[in-house]
Amino acid sequence: MTQYESVIIITPVLSEEQVKDSIAKFRQLITSEGGKVMFEDAWGLTKMAYSIDKKNSGFYHLFEFTAKDDFVSKWELTLKRDERVLRYMTIALDKHSIAYNQRRRNGELNSQKAKKAQSETQTA
């Protein structure tokens, strides 16, 4: 099983409840195919750098999951066919990306404690 990270941009014309239903549908697709959602993060309604289908914002959602290699084609086909999805991007994570994501989730990056520990090791 390979670990993947996928960012989905959902159209802003949906209500919060419709967005939650869409996300639940995508989460259920991952688990029904034998995958496991490792982490997910809803970034909320965010302004985009450029317009997509005459829309300047979208609901961003991040999935980090493990799945079989043949699942990604089915995942992307589902996202492509869903009219609520403006854009998506799925990448396979290597061991360095997995370690970085784990450190980020644990709060080791960009925290005052991490910066203090780093400065102490540099002065020693």
C-alpha atoms as a PDB file:
ATOM      1  CA  MET A   1       0.000   0.000   0.000  1.00  0.00           C
ATOM      2  CA  THR A   2       1.256   3.432  -0.943  1.00  0.00           C
ATOM      3  CA  GLN A   3       0.625   6.665   0.916  1.00  0.00           C
ATOM      4  CA  TYR A   4      -0.954   9.511  -1.054  1.00  0.00           C
ATOM      5  CA  GLU A   5      -1.881  13.126  -0.484  1.00  0.00           C
ATOM      6  CA  SER A   6      -4.759  14.717  -2.351  1.00  0.00           C
ATOM      7  CA  VAL A   7      -6.000  18.309  -2.317  1.00  0.00           C
ATOM      8  CA  ILE A   8      -9.509  18.933  -3.613  1.00  0.00           C
ATOM      9  CA  ILE A   9     -11.100  22.290  -4.445  1.00  0.00           C
ATOM     10  CA  ILE A  10     -14.894  22.186  -4.232  1.00  0.00           C
ATOM     11  CA  THR A  11     -17.131  24.811  -5.841  1.00  0.00           C
ATOM     12  CA  PRO A  12     -18.071  27.722  -3.545  1.00  0.00           C
ATOM     13  CA  VAL A  13     -21.752  27.764  -4.558  1.00  0.00           C
ATOM     14  CA  LEU A  14     -22.498  24.818  -2.253  1.00  0.00           C
ATOM     15  CA  SER A  15     -23.659  25.182   1.329  1.00  0.00           C
ATOM     16  CA  GLU A  16     -21.497  23.995   4.232  1.00  0.00           C
ATOM     17  CA  GLU A  17     -23.726  20.932   4.599  1.00  0.00           C
ATOM     18  CA  GLN A  18     -23.376  20.007   0.916  1.00  0.00           C
ATOM     19  CA  VAL A  19     -19.596  20.344   1.173  1.00  0.00           C
ATOM     20  CA  LYS A  20     -19.557  18.054   4.231  1.00  0.00           C
ATOM     21  CA  ASP A  21     -21.658  15.505   2.344  1.00  0.00           C
ATOM     22  CA  SER A  22     -19.232  15.613  -0.603  1.00  0.00           C
ATOM     23  CA  ILE A  23     -16.227  15.138   1.687  1.00  0.00           C
ATOM     24  CA  ALA A  24     -17.959  12.237   3.456  1.00  0.00           C
ATOM     25  CA  LYS A  25     -18.600  10.621   0.053  1.00  0.00           C
ATOM     26  CA  PHE A  26     -14.906  10.900  -0.879  1.00  0.00           C
ATOM     27  CA  ARG A  27     -13.807   9.585   2.530  1.00  0.00           C
ATOM     28  CA  GLN A  28     -16.180   6.629   2.164  1.00  0.00           C
ATOM     29  CA  LEU A  29     -14.747   5.861  -1.285  1.00  0.00           C
ATOM     30  CA  ILE A  30     -11.248   5.589   0.185  1.00  0.00           C
ATOM     31  CA  THR A  31     -12.301   3.281   3.005  1.00  0.00           C
ATOM     32  CA  SER A  32     -14.591   1.122   0.840  1.00  0.00           C
ATOM     33  CA  GLU A  33     -11.665   0.265  -1.436  1.00  0.00           C
ATOM     34  CA  GLY A  34      -9.528  -0.937   1.477  1.00  0.00           C
ATOM     35  CA  GLY A  35      -7.679   2.332   2.012  1.00  0.00           C
ATOM     36  CA  LYS A  36      -7.180   4.181   5.256  1.00  0.00           C
ATOM     37  CA  VAL A  37      -7.457   7.930   5.811  1.00  0.00           C
ATOM     38  CA  MET A  38      -4.339   8.904   7.768  1.00  0.00           C
ATOM     39  CA  PHE A  39      -5.114  12.616   8.079  1.00  0.00           C
ATOM     40  CA  GLU A  40      -7.520  15.130   6.650  1.00  0.00           C
ATOM     41  CA  ASP A  41      -7.772  18.870   6.966  1.00  0.00           C
ATOM     42  CA  ALA A  42     -10.513  21.231   5.856  1.00  0.00           C
ATOM     43  CA  TRP A  43      -8.910  24.525   4.852  1.00  0.00           C
ATOM     44  CA  GLY A  44     -12.313  26.149   4.350  1.00  0.00           C
ATOM     45  CA  LEU A  45     -13.399  28.715   1.797  1.00  0.00           C
ATOM     46  CA  THR A  46     -10.255  30.254   0.323  1.00  0.00           C
ATOM     47  CA  LYS A  47      -9.618  32.778  -2.421  1.00  0.00           C
ATOM     48  CA  MET A  48      -7.862  31.222  -5.415  1.00  0.00           C
ATOM     49  CA  ALA A  49      -4.932  32.728  -7.282  1.00  0.00           C
ATOM     50  CA  TYR A  50      -6.895  32.645 -10.556  1.00  0.00           C
ATOM     51  CA  SER A  51     -10.485  32.022 -11.628  1.00  0.00           C
ATOM     52  CA  ILE A  52     -11.699  28.528 -12.406  1.00  0.00           C
ATOM     53  CA  ASP A  53     -15.067  28.303 -14.178  1.00  0.00           C
ATOM     54  CA  LYS A  54     -15.655  31.993 -13.334  1.00  0.00           C
ATOM     55  CA  LYS A  55     -15.253  31.292  -9.610  1.00  0.00           C
ATOM     56  CA  ASN A  56     -12.653  33.132  -7.518  1.00  0.00           C
ATOM     57  CA  SER A  57     -12.823  30.997  -4.370  1.00  0.00           C
ATOM     58  CA  GLY A  58     -13.376  27.398  -3.375  1.00  0.00           C
ATOM     59  CA  PHE A  59     -13.560  25.005  -0.438  1.00  0.00           C
ATOM     60  CA  TYR A  60     -10.142  23.375  -0.063  1.00  0.00           C
ATOM     61  CA  HIS A  61      -9.815  19.944   1.556  1.00  0.00           C
ATOM     62  CA  LEU A  62      -6.700  17.818   2.096  1.00  0.00           C
ATOM     63  CA  PHE A  63      -6.743  14.021   2.336  1.00  0.00           C
ATOM     64  CA  GLU A  64      -3.696  11.979   3.321  1.00  0.00           C
ATOM     65  CA  PHE A  65      -4.431   8.281   2.843  1.00  0.00           C
ATOM     66  CA  THR A  66      -2.975   4.873   2.124  1.00  0.00           C
ATOM     67  CA  ALA A  67      -4.378   2.809  -0.716  1.00  0.00           C
ATOM     68  CA  LYS A  68      -3.508   0.194  -3.287  1.00  0.00           C
ATOM     69  CA  ASP A  69      -1.698   1.437  -6.380  1.00  0.00           C
ATOM     70  CA  ASP A  70      -4.634   0.765  -8.703  1.00  0.00           C
ATOM     71  CA  PHE A  71      -7.013   2.851  -6.539  1.00  0.00           C
ATOM     72  CA  VAL A  72      -5.644   6.230  -7.673  1.00  0.00           C
ATOM     73  CA  SER A  73      -7.050   5.907 -11.184  1.00  0.00           C
ATOM     74  CA  LYS A  74     -10.528   5.176  -9.770  1.00  0.00           C
ATOM     75  CA  TRP A  75     -10.123   8.035  -7.239  1.00  0.00           C
ATOM     76  CA  GLU A  76      -9.186  10.576  -9.892  1.00  0.00           C
ATOM     77  CA  LEU A  77     -11.927   9.381 -12.252  1.00  0.00           C
ATOM     78  CA  THR A  78     -14.491   9.912  -9.484  1.00  0.00           C
ATOM     79  CA  LEU A  79     -13.145  13.409  -8.798  1.00  0.00           C
ATOM     80  CA  LYS A  80     -13.093  14.253 -12.504  1.00  0.00           C
ATOM     81  CA  ARG A  81     -16.719  13.186 -12.976  1.00  0.00           C
ATOM     82  CA  ASP A  82     -18.021  15.047  -9.914  1.00  0.00           C
ATOM     83  CA  GLU A  83     -19.349  18.444 -11.000  1.00  0.00           C
ATOM     84  CA  ARG A  84     -18.811  19.850  -7.494  1.00  0.00           C
ATOM     85  CA  VAL A  85     -15.022  19.463  -7.784  1.00  0.00           C
ATOM     86  CA  LEU A  86     -13.252  22.359  -9.501  1.00  0.00           C
ATOM     87  CA  ARG A  87      -9.696  20.987  -9.277  1.00  0.00           C
ATOM     88  CA  TYR A  88      -7.787  18.207  -7.564  1.00  0.00           C
ATOM     89  CA  MET A  89      -4.222  17.052  -7.261  1.00  0.00           C
ATOM     90  CA  THR A  90      -3.044  13.687  -5.960  1.00  0.00           C
ATOM     91  CA  ILE A  91       0.584  12.796  -5.315  1.00  0.00           C
ATOM     92  CA  ALA A  92       2.322   9.699  -4.000  1.00  0.00           C
ATOM     93  CA  LEU A  93       4.395  10.428  -0.904  1.00  0.00           C
ATOM     94  CA  ASP A  94       7.937   9.192  -0.464  1.00  0.00           C
ATOM     95  CA  LYS A  95       9.509   8.430   2.924  1.00  0.00           C
ATOM     96  CA  HIS A  96      10.777  11.999   3.334  1.00  0.00           C
ATOM     97  CA  SER A  97       7.349  13.511   2.655  1.00  0.00           C
ATOM     98  CA  ILE A  98       5.720  11.094   5.081  1.00  0.00           C
ATOM     99  CA  ALA A  99       8.231  12.044   7.795  1.00  0.00           C
ATOM    100  CA  TYR A 100       7.729  15.766   7.095  1.00  0.00           C
ATOM    101  CA  ASN A 101       3.933  15.454   7.286  1.00  0.00           C
ATOM    102  CA  GLN A 102       4.212  13.553  10.559  1.00  0.00           C
ATOM    103  CA  ARG A 103       6.443  16.267  12.055  1.00  0.00           C
ATOM    104  CA  ARG A 104       4.060  18.982  10.827  1.00  0.00           C
ATOM    105  CA  ARG A 105       1.067  17.242  12.424  1.00  0.00           C
ATOM    106  CA  ASN A 106       2.953  16.861  15.706  1.00  0.00           C
ATOM    107  CA  GLY A 107       3.639  20.602  15.762  1.00  0.00           C
ATOM    108  CA  GLU A 108       7.408  20.295  15.460  1.00  0.00           C
ATOM    109  CA  LEU A 109       7.560  22.752  12.585  1.00  0.00           C
ATOM    110  CA  ASN A 110       7.012  26.503  12.968  1.00  0.00           C
ATOM    111  CA  SER A 111       6.350  26.268  16.692  1.00  0.00           C
ATOM    112  CA  GLN A 112       8.130  28.277  19.347  1.00  0.00           C
ATOM    113  CA  LYS A 113       9.247  25.101  21.118  1.00  0.00           C
ATOM    114  CA  ALA A 114      10.870  23.740  17.950  1.00  0.00           C
ATOM    115  CA  LYS A 115      12.617  27.056  17.246  1.00  0.00           C
ATOM    116  CA  LYS A 116      13.927  27.236  20.812  1.00  0.00           C
ATOM    117  CA  ALA A 117      15.236  23.654  20.687  1.00  0.00           C
ATOM    118  CA  GLN A 118      16.907  24.333  17.349  1.00  0.00           C
ATOM    119  CA  SER A 119      18.629  27.486  18.610  1.00  0.00           C
ATOM    120  CA  GLU A 120      19.875  25.628  21.712  1.00  0.00           C
ATOM    121  CA  THR A 121      21.456  22.886  19.587  1.00  0.00           C
ATOM    122  CA  GLN A 122      23.121  25.445  17.315  1.00  0.00           C
ATOM    123  CA  THR A 123      24.709  27.332  20.235  1.00  0.00           C
ATOM    124  CA  ALA A 124      25.973  24.159  21.934  1.00  0.00           C
END
